[in-house]
Amino acid sequence: MLNENIKSIRKAKGLSQEELAIQLHVVRQTISKWEKGVSQS
């Protein structure tokens, strides 16, 4: 699933949700929702 891939890749690269959010120009809550499978947009 997409949410599992996002979380595993983020962790493998040693990034926090906040750090990934900054790189993708989104808020941290968006990353959290993606990882929980709540939102995919």
PDB file of N, CA and C in Angstrom:
ATOM      1  N   MET A   1       0.833  -1.184   0.000  1.00  0.00           N
ATOM      2  CA  MET A   1       0.000   0.000   0.000  1.00  0.00           C
ATOM      3  C   MET A   1       0.884   1.257   0.000  1.00  0.00           C
ATOM      4  N   LEU A   2       0.345   2.304  -0.550  1.00  0.00           N
ATOM      5  CA  LEU A   2       1.079   3.565  -0.637  1.00  0.00           C
ATOM      6  C   LEU A   2       1.472   4.086   0.750  1.00  0.00           C
ATOM      7  N   ASN A   3       0.536   4.028   1.698  1.00  0.00           N
ATOM      8  CA  ASN A   3       0.835   4.556   3.030  1.00  0.00           C
ATOM      9  C   ASN A   3       2.001   3.817   3.682  1.00  0.00           C
ATOM     10  N   GLU A   4       2.082   2.500   3.499  1.00  0.00           N
ATOM     11  CA  GLU A   4       3.181   1.724   4.076  1.00  0.00           C
ATOM     12  C   GLU A   4       4.500   2.071   3.393  1.00  0.00           C
ATOM     13  N   ASN A   5       4.464   2.282   2.082  1.00  0.00           N
ATOM     14  CA  ASN A   5       5.679   2.648   1.347  1.00  0.00           C
ATOM     15  C   ASN A   5       6.215   3.999   1.801  1.00  0.00           C
ATOM     16  N   ILE A   6       5.332   4.966   1.976  1.00  0.00           N
ATOM     17  CA  ILE A   6       5.762   6.301   2.412  1.00  0.00           C
ATOM     18  C   ILE A   6       6.454   6.203   3.764  1.00  0.00           C
ATOM     19  N   LYS A   7       5.828   5.494   4.693  1.00  0.00           N
ATOM     20  CA  LYS A   7       6.383   5.385   6.044  1.00  0.00           C
ATOM     21  C   LYS A   7       7.720   4.641   6.039  1.00  0.00           C
ATOM     22  N   SER A   8       7.805   3.518   5.338  1.00  0.00           N
ATOM     23  CA  SER A   8       9.036   2.727   5.355  1.00  0.00           C
ATOM     24  C   SER A   8      10.191   3.465   4.674  1.00  0.00           C
ATOM     25  N   ILE A   9       9.915   4.137   3.579  1.00  0.00           N
ATOM     26  CA  ILE A   9      10.972   4.881   2.889  1.00  0.00           C
ATOM     27  C   ILE A   9      11.429   6.069   3.740  1.00  0.00           C
ATOM     28  N   ARG A  10      10.474   6.764   4.356  1.00  0.00           N
ATOM     29  CA  ARG A  10      10.819   7.898   5.222  1.00  0.00           C
ATOM     30  C   ARG A  10      11.717   7.442   6.366  1.00  0.00           C
ATOM     31  N   LYS A  11      11.351   6.331   6.998  1.00  0.00           N
ATOM     32  CA  LYS A  11      12.141   5.822   8.120  1.00  0.00           C
ATOM     33  C   LYS A  11      13.510   5.332   7.655  1.00  0.00           C
ATOM     34  N   ALA A  12      13.564   4.692   6.487  1.00  0.00           N
ATOM     35  CA  ALA A  12      14.833   4.186   5.960  1.00  0.00           C
ATOM     36  C   ALA A  12      15.810   5.332   5.692  1.00  0.00           C
ATOM     37  N   LYS A  13      15.274   6.489   5.321  1.00  0.00           N
ATOM     38  CA  LYS A  13      16.116   7.650   5.057  1.00  0.00           C
ATOM     39  C   LYS A  13      16.389   8.457   6.317  1.00  0.00           C
ATOM     40  N   GLY A  14      15.820   8.018   7.450  1.00  0.00           N
ATOM     41  CA  GLY A  14      16.065   8.679   8.719  1.00  0.00           C
ATOM     42  C   GLY A  14      15.395  10.037   8.848  1.00  0.00           C
ATOM     43  N   LEU A  15      14.262  10.200   8.173  1.00  0.00           N
ATOM     44  CA  LEU A  15      13.555  11.474   8.201  1.00  0.00           C
ATOM     45  C   LEU A  15      12.371  11.417   9.153  1.00  0.00           C
ATOM     46  N   SER A  16      12.128  12.511   9.844  1.00  0.00           N
ATOM     47  CA  SER A  16      10.908  12.631  10.634  1.00  0.00           C
ATOM     48  C   SER A  16       9.785  13.046   9.689  1.00  0.00           C
ATOM     49  N   GLN A  17       8.567  12.970  10.187  1.00  0.00           N
ATOM     50  CA  GLN A  17       7.446  13.442   9.373  1.00  0.00           C
ATOM     51  C   GLN A  17       7.624  14.917   9.055  1.00  0.00           C
ATOM     52  N   GLU A  18       8.106  15.681  10.020  1.00  0.00           N
ATOM     53  CA  GLU A  18       8.303  17.126   9.828  1.00  0.00           C
ATOM     54  C   GLU A  18       9.342  17.391   8.737  1.00  0.00           C
ATOM     55  N   GLU A  19      10.447  16.650   8.768  1.00  0.00           N
ATOM     56  CA  GLU A  19      11.495  16.844   7.761  1.00  0.00           C
ATOM     57  C   GLU A  19      11.006  16.493   6.365  1.00  0.00           C
ATOM     58  N   LEU A  20      10.270  15.408   6.250  1.00  0.00           N
ATOM     59  CA  LEU A  20       9.725  15.026   4.947  1.00  0.00           C
ATOM     60  C   LEU A  20       8.717  16.068   4.464  1.00  0.00           C
ATOM     61  N   ALA A  21       7.893  16.550   5.378  1.00  0.00           N
ATOM     62  CA  ALA A  21       6.904  17.567   5.016  1.00  0.00           C
ATOM     63  C   ALA A  21       7.579  18.817   4.453  1.00  0.00           C
ATOM     64  N   ILE A  22       8.658  19.239   5.072  1.00  0.00           N
ATOM     65  CA  ILE A  22       9.391  20.422   4.592  1.00  0.00           C
ATOM     66  C   ILE A  22       9.910  20.170   3.176  1.00  0.00           C
ATOM     67  N   GLN A  23      10.469  18.992   2.943  1.00  0.00           N
ATOM     68  CA  GLN A  23      11.009  18.677   1.617  1.00  0.00           C
ATOM     69  C   GLN A  23       9.925  18.634   0.548  1.00  0.00           C
ATOM     70  N   LEU A  24       8.720  18.214   0.942  1.00  0.00           N
ATOM     71  CA  LEU A  24       7.622  18.095  -0.024  1.00  0.00           C
ATOM     72  C   LEU A  24       6.720  19.321  -0.058  1.00  0.00           C
ATOM     73  N   HIS A  25       7.053  20.307   0.768  1.00  0.00           N
ATOM     74  CA  HIS A  25       6.286  21.565   0.834  1.00  0.00           C
ATOM     75  C   HIS A  25       4.829  21.332   1.228  1.00  0.00           C
ATOM     76  N   VAL A  26       4.644  20.478   2.225  1.00  0.00           N
ATOM     77  CA  VAL A  26       3.322  20.247   2.811  1.00  0.00           C
ATOM     78  C   VAL A  26       3.464  20.349   4.330  1.00  0.00           C
ATOM     79  N   VAL A  27       2.347  20.348   5.035  1.00  0.00           N
ATOM     80  CA  VAL A  27       2.402  20.381   6.495  1.00  0.00           C
ATOM     81  C   VAL A  27       2.588  18.965   7.031  1.00  0.00           C
ATOM     82  N   ARG A  28       3.103  18.852   8.247  1.00  0.00           N
ATOM     83  CA  ARG A  28       3.379  17.548   8.847  1.00  0.00           C
ATOM     84  C   ARG A  28       2.118  16.690   8.944  1.00  0.00           C
ATOM     85  N   GLN A  29       0.987  17.323   9.198  1.00  0.00           N
ATOM     86  CA  GLN A  29      -0.258  16.578   9.326  1.00  0.00           C
ATOM     87  C   GLN A  29      -0.607  15.840   8.029  1.00  0.00           C
ATOM     88  N   THR A  30      -0.206  16.389   6.901  1.00  0.00           N
ATOM     89  CA  THR A  30      -0.448  15.729   5.618  1.00  0.00           C
ATOM     90  C   THR A  30       0.317  14.414   5.550  1.00  0.00           C
ATOM     91  N   ILE A  31       1.579  14.440   5.988  1.00  0.00           N
ATOM     92  CA  ILE A  31       2.387  13.215   5.999  1.00  0.00           C
ATOM     93  C   ILE A  31       1.732  12.180   6.910  1.00  0.00           C
ATOM     94  N   SER A  32       1.292  12.612   8.067  1.00  0.00           N
ATOM     95  CA  SER A  32       0.633  11.714   9.009  1.00  0.00           C
ATOM     96  C   SER A  32      -0.602  11.073   8.383  1.00  0.00           C
ATOM     97  N   LYS A  33      -1.406  11.872   7.705  1.00  0.00           N
ATOM     98  CA  LYS A  33      -2.613  11.343   7.058  1.00  0.00           C
ATOM     99  C   LYS A  33      -2.247  10.356   5.953  1.00  0.00           C
ATOM    100  N   TRP A  34      -1.217  10.677   5.174  1.00  0.00           N
ATOM    101  CA  TRP A  34      -0.784   9.761   4.118  1.00  0.00           C
ATOM    102  C   TRP A  34      -0.367   8.426   4.715  1.00  0.00           C
ATOM    103  N   GLU A  35       0.411   8.487   5.804  1.00  0.00           N
ATOM    104  CA  GLU A  35       0.923   7.254   6.412  1.00  0.00           C
ATOM    105  C   GLU A  35      -0.193   6.437   7.056  1.00  0.00           C
ATOM    106  N   LYS A  36      -1.251   7.084   7.511  1.00  0.00           N
ATOM    107  CA  LYS A  36      -2.372   6.372   8.101  1.00  0.00           C
ATOM    108  C   LYS A  36      -3.361   5.895   7.037  1.00  0.00           C
ATOM    109  N   GLY A  37      -3.160   6.337   5.799  1.00  0.00           N
ATOM    110  CA  GLY A  37      -4.046   5.947   4.715  1.00  0.00           C
ATOM    111  C   GLY A  37      -5.355   6.723   4.709  1.00  0.00           C
ATOM    112  N   VAL A  38      -5.386   7.835   5.449  1.00  0.00           N
ATOM    113  CA  VAL A  38      -6.595   8.644   5.528  1.00  0.00           C
ATOM    114  C   VAL A  38      -6.772   9.482   4.277  1.00  0.00           C
ATOM    115  N   SER A  39      -5.679   9.967   3.722  1.00  0.00           N
ATOM    116  CA  SER A  39      -5.729  10.840   2.544  1.00  0.00           C
ATOM    117  C   SER A  39      -4.585  10.489   1.622  1.00  0.00           C
ATOM    118  N   GLN A  40      -4.858  10.498   0.308  1.00  0.00           N
ATOM    119  CA  GLN A  40      -3.804  10.217  -0.653  1.00  0.00           C
ATOM    120  C   GLN A  40      -3.619  11.349  -1.635  1.00  0.00           C
ATOM    121  N   SER A  41      -4.137  12.512  -1.305  1.00  0.00           N
ATOM    122  CA  SER A  41      -4.001  13.656  -2.220  1.00  0.00           C
ATOM    123  C   SER A  41      -2.994  14.636  -1.697  1.00  0.00           C
TER     124      SER A  41
END
